[in-house]
Amino acid sequence: MSKQRILIFTIGLPRSGKTTAVNQIIGRFQQFIKISADDLRYFIYGQRFFSGGEDYVWAARKTMLRYLLSQGFPIIIDETNTTEERRIDIIKYAEYEDYKIWGLFIDTPKETCLQRIYDEDCIEEAGLIKTTERMYNQLKEKRYPDRIDRLYEINEKESEMNQLINDLKTEIFK
């Protein structure tokens, strides 16, 4: 099987289920390499968020993404990507390397995401609540560049996730 130049990136609020969806995809298609700013923060700082290290985390993520794209690996990015600016950078790099670009919008209600934050009883709760509110406002306008080849909107219904899995089977095994 040859390498398929496919990049999937998630879009969604904190605690919306992005990582769950990504893990479901990787469980079926182990050839995907996952990129996650949260994982980099844990690796570098031992915690999910460290305000003093954000510039370094994003520089490392950018370097990692550009290298993996240049090598032709199938990639899945597990991040919020709530701003057009964040999505455009991903798309620009993927286009340069001639990738198929798929968006995966996890459409979980804001109230559900906030409840999950409260339920976790985590130390970063107050900051994450403010961040979720800010990101929700960023997502109100669902403007996605025409340069996304496919956009899947995942909600409580399994149909879009099943369609994504079937489309991946077709793309990867052709």
Protein backbone atom coordinates (compact mmCIF):
# COMPACT_ATOMS: atom_id res chain seq x y z
CA MET A 1 0.00 0.00 0.00
CA SER A 2 1.43 3.37 -0.99
CA LYS A 3 1.32 6.47 1.16
CA GLN A 4 -1.87 8.46 0.64
CA ARG A 5 -1.47 12.19 0.95
CA ILE A 6 -4.48 12.84 3.18
CA LEU A 7 -4.64 15.40 5.95
CA ILE A 8 -7.62 15.49 8.29
CA PHE A 9 -7.97 18.27 10.82
CA THR A 10 -10.54 18.61 13.57
CA ILE A 11 -12.59 21.67 14.36
CA GLY A 12 -14.45 21.88 17.64
CA LEU A 13 -14.70 23.21 21.16
CA PRO A 14 -12.65 21.89 24.05
CA ARG A 15 -14.22 18.66 25.39
CA SER A 16 -16.38 18.27 22.27
CA GLY A 17 -15.12 14.77 21.45
CA LYS A 18 -12.37 15.58 18.95
CA THR A 19 -9.85 13.21 20.50
CA THR A 20 -12.45 10.45 20.74
CA ALA A 21 -13.18 10.82 17.01
CA VAL A 22 -9.47 10.94 16.16
CA ASN A 23 -8.79 7.82 18.22
CA GLN A 24 -11.64 6.05 16.45
CA ILE A 25 -10.07 6.88 13.08
CA ILE A 26 -6.56 5.91 14.15
CA GLY A 27 -7.92 2.68 15.59
CA ARG A 28 -9.10 1.76 12.09
CA PHE A 29 -6.25 3.34 10.12
CA GLN A 30 -2.98 3.03 12.05
CA GLN A 31 -0.98 4.62 9.23
CA PHE A 32 -2.21 8.08 10.29
CA ILE A 33 0.18 10.15 12.36
CA LYS A 34 -1.57 12.27 14.97
CA ILE A 35 -0.44 15.81 15.66
CA SER A 36 -1.79 17.49 18.77
CA ALA A 37 -0.70 20.66 20.53
CA ASP A 38 -2.09 19.18 23.77
CA ASP A 39 0.16 16.13 23.36
CA LEU A 40 3.16 18.39 22.72
CA ARG A 41 2.37 20.40 25.86
CA TYR A 42 2.21 17.20 27.92
CA PHE A 43 5.45 15.97 26.38
CA ILE A 44 7.33 19.24 26.91
CA TYR A 45 5.76 20.64 30.10
CA GLY A 46 3.89 17.73 31.66
CA GLN A 47 0.56 19.55 31.55
CA ARG A 48 -2.27 20.35 29.15
CA PHE A 49 -1.71 24.10 29.13
CA PHE A 50 1.27 26.26 30.02
CA SER A 51 0.83 29.91 29.02
CA GLY A 52 4.55 30.63 29.15
CA GLY A 53 5.29 27.98 26.57
CA GLU A 54 2.63 28.48 23.91
CA ASP A 55 4.94 30.09 21.34
CA TYR A 56 7.33 27.16 21.62
CA VAL A 57 4.53 24.57 21.40
CA TRP A 58 3.11 26.13 18.23
CA ALA A 59 6.54 26.48 16.64
CA ALA A 60 7.24 22.81 17.36
CA ARG A 61 3.83 21.81 15.98
CA LYS A 62 4.42 23.82 12.81
CA THR A 63 7.82 22.21 12.29
CA MET A 64 6.39 18.75 12.91
CA LEU A 65 3.50 19.33 10.50
CA ARG A 66 5.70 20.65 7.71
CA TYR A 67 8.16 17.78 8.04
CA LEU A 68 5.48 15.06 8.06
CA LEU A 69 3.75 16.66 5.08
CA SER A 70 7.04 16.77 3.17
CA GLN A 71 7.43 13.04 3.78
CA GLY A 72 3.95 12.21 2.49
CA PHE A 73 2.52 10.67 5.66
CA PRO A 74 -1.25 10.61 6.20
CA ILE A 75 -1.84 13.05 9.05
CA ILE A 76 -4.66 13.81 11.45
CA ILE A 77 -4.53 17.00 13.51
CA ASP A 78 -6.37 16.83 16.84
CA GLU A 79 -6.85 20.47 17.82
CA THR A 80 -9.68 22.98 18.16
CA ASN A 81 -8.84 24.98 14.99
CA THR A 82 -11.67 27.39 15.76
CA THR A 83 -10.13 30.32 13.88
CA GLU A 84 -9.90 30.67 10.15
CA GLU A 85 -6.29 31.81 10.62
CA ARG A 86 -5.34 28.50 12.27
CA ARG A 87 -7.08 26.48 9.54
CA ILE A 88 -5.58 28.50 6.69
CA ASP A 89 -2.01 27.74 7.81
CA ILE A 90 -2.73 24.01 7.89
CA ILE A 91 -4.38 24.15 4.47
CA LYS A 92 -1.58 26.23 2.95
CA TYR A 93 1.11 23.75 4.00
CA ALA A 94 -0.98 20.75 2.90
CA GLU A 95 -1.72 22.27 -0.50
CA TYR A 96 1.95 22.93 -1.08
CA GLU A 97 2.62 19.21 -0.61
CA ASP A 98 -0.37 18.21 -2.79
CA TYR A 99 -2.50 16.69 -0.03
CA LYS A 100 -6.20 15.94 0.03
CA ILE A 101 -7.57 18.10 2.84
CA TRP A 102 -10.52 16.97 4.93
CA GLY A 103 -12.11 18.88 7.79
CA LEU A 104 -13.81 17.10 10.68
CA PHE A 105 -16.16 19.45 12.54
CA ILE A 106 -17.25 18.00 15.87
CA ASP A 107 -20.59 19.72 16.41
CA THR A 108 -21.16 19.27 20.14
CA PRO A 109 -23.35 21.86 21.88
CA LYS A 110 -21.43 24.39 23.97
CA GLU A 111 -23.46 23.46 27.05
CA THR A 112 -22.36 19.81 26.75
CA CYS A 113 -18.70 20.85 26.47
CA LEU A 114 -19.01 23.13 29.51
CA GLN A 115 -20.67 20.36 31.51
CA ARG A 116 -17.80 18.01 30.67
CA ILE A 117 -15.35 20.62 31.98
CA TYR A 118 -17.33 20.95 35.24
CA ASP A 119 -17.57 17.16 35.56
CA GLU A 120 -13.80 16.76 35.29
CA ASP A 121 -13.28 19.04 38.30
CA CYS A 122 -9.91 20.06 36.92
CA ILE A 123 -7.60 22.78 38.21
CA GLU A 124 -7.70 24.63 34.90
CA GLU A 125 -11.52 24.73 34.92
CA ALA A 126 -11.95 28.54 35.08
CA GLY A 127 -9.50 29.20 32.27
CA LEU A 128 -10.94 26.45 30.12
CA ILE A 129 -14.47 27.78 30.59
CA LYS A 130 -13.38 31.22 29.36
CA THR A 131 -11.47 29.62 26.49
CA THR A 132 -14.50 27.55 25.50
CA GLU A 133 -16.74 30.64 25.50
CA ARG A 134 -14.21 32.52 23.34
CA MET A 135 -13.86 29.61 20.93
CA TYR A 136 -17.64 29.22 20.71
CA ASN A 137 -17.87 32.83 19.53
CA GLN A 138 -15.14 32.12 16.97
CA LEU A 139 -17.11 29.15 15.64
CA LYS A 140 -20.43 30.99 15.27
CA GLU A 141 -19.57 31.80 11.69
CA LYS A 142 -18.86 28.48 10.06
CA ARG A 143 -16.67 29.87 7.31
CA TYR A 144 -14.44 27.27 5.79
CA PRO A 145 -12.20 27.89 2.84
CA ASP A 146 -13.21 26.41 -0.48
CA ARG A 147 -9.86 24.65 -0.43
CA ILE A 148 -11.11 21.92 1.91
CA ASP A 149 -11.79 18.88 -0.26
CA ARG A 150 -14.33 17.40 2.17
CA LEU A 151 -15.97 18.60 5.35
CA TYR A 152 -17.65 16.15 7.73
CA GLU A 153 -19.92 17.43 10.49
CA ILE A 154 -20.08 14.94 13.34
CA ASN A 155 -22.84 15.19 15.91
CA GLU A 156 -24.86 12.68 17.92
CA LYS A 157 -25.71 10.77 14.75
CA GLU A 158 -23.16 8.22 13.61
CA SER A 159 -23.89 8.64 9.90
CA GLU A 160 -21.21 11.25 9.12
CA MET A 161 -18.53 9.35 11.06
CA ASN A 162 -19.47 6.16 9.22
CA GLN A 163 -19.25 8.07 5.93
CA LEU A 164 -15.80 9.37 6.85
CA ILE A 165 -14.61 5.83 7.70
CA ASN A 166 -15.98 4.51 4.40
CA ASP A 167 -14.38 7.36 2.45
CA LEU A 168 -11.05 6.67 4.13
CA LYS A 169 -11.29 3.00 3.19
CA THR A 170 -11.84 4.02 -0.42
CA GLU A 171 -8.98 6.55 -0.45
CA ILE A 172 -6.42 4.47 1.40
CA PHE A 173 -7.00 1.15 -0.32
CA LYS A 174 -7.34 2.33 -3.89
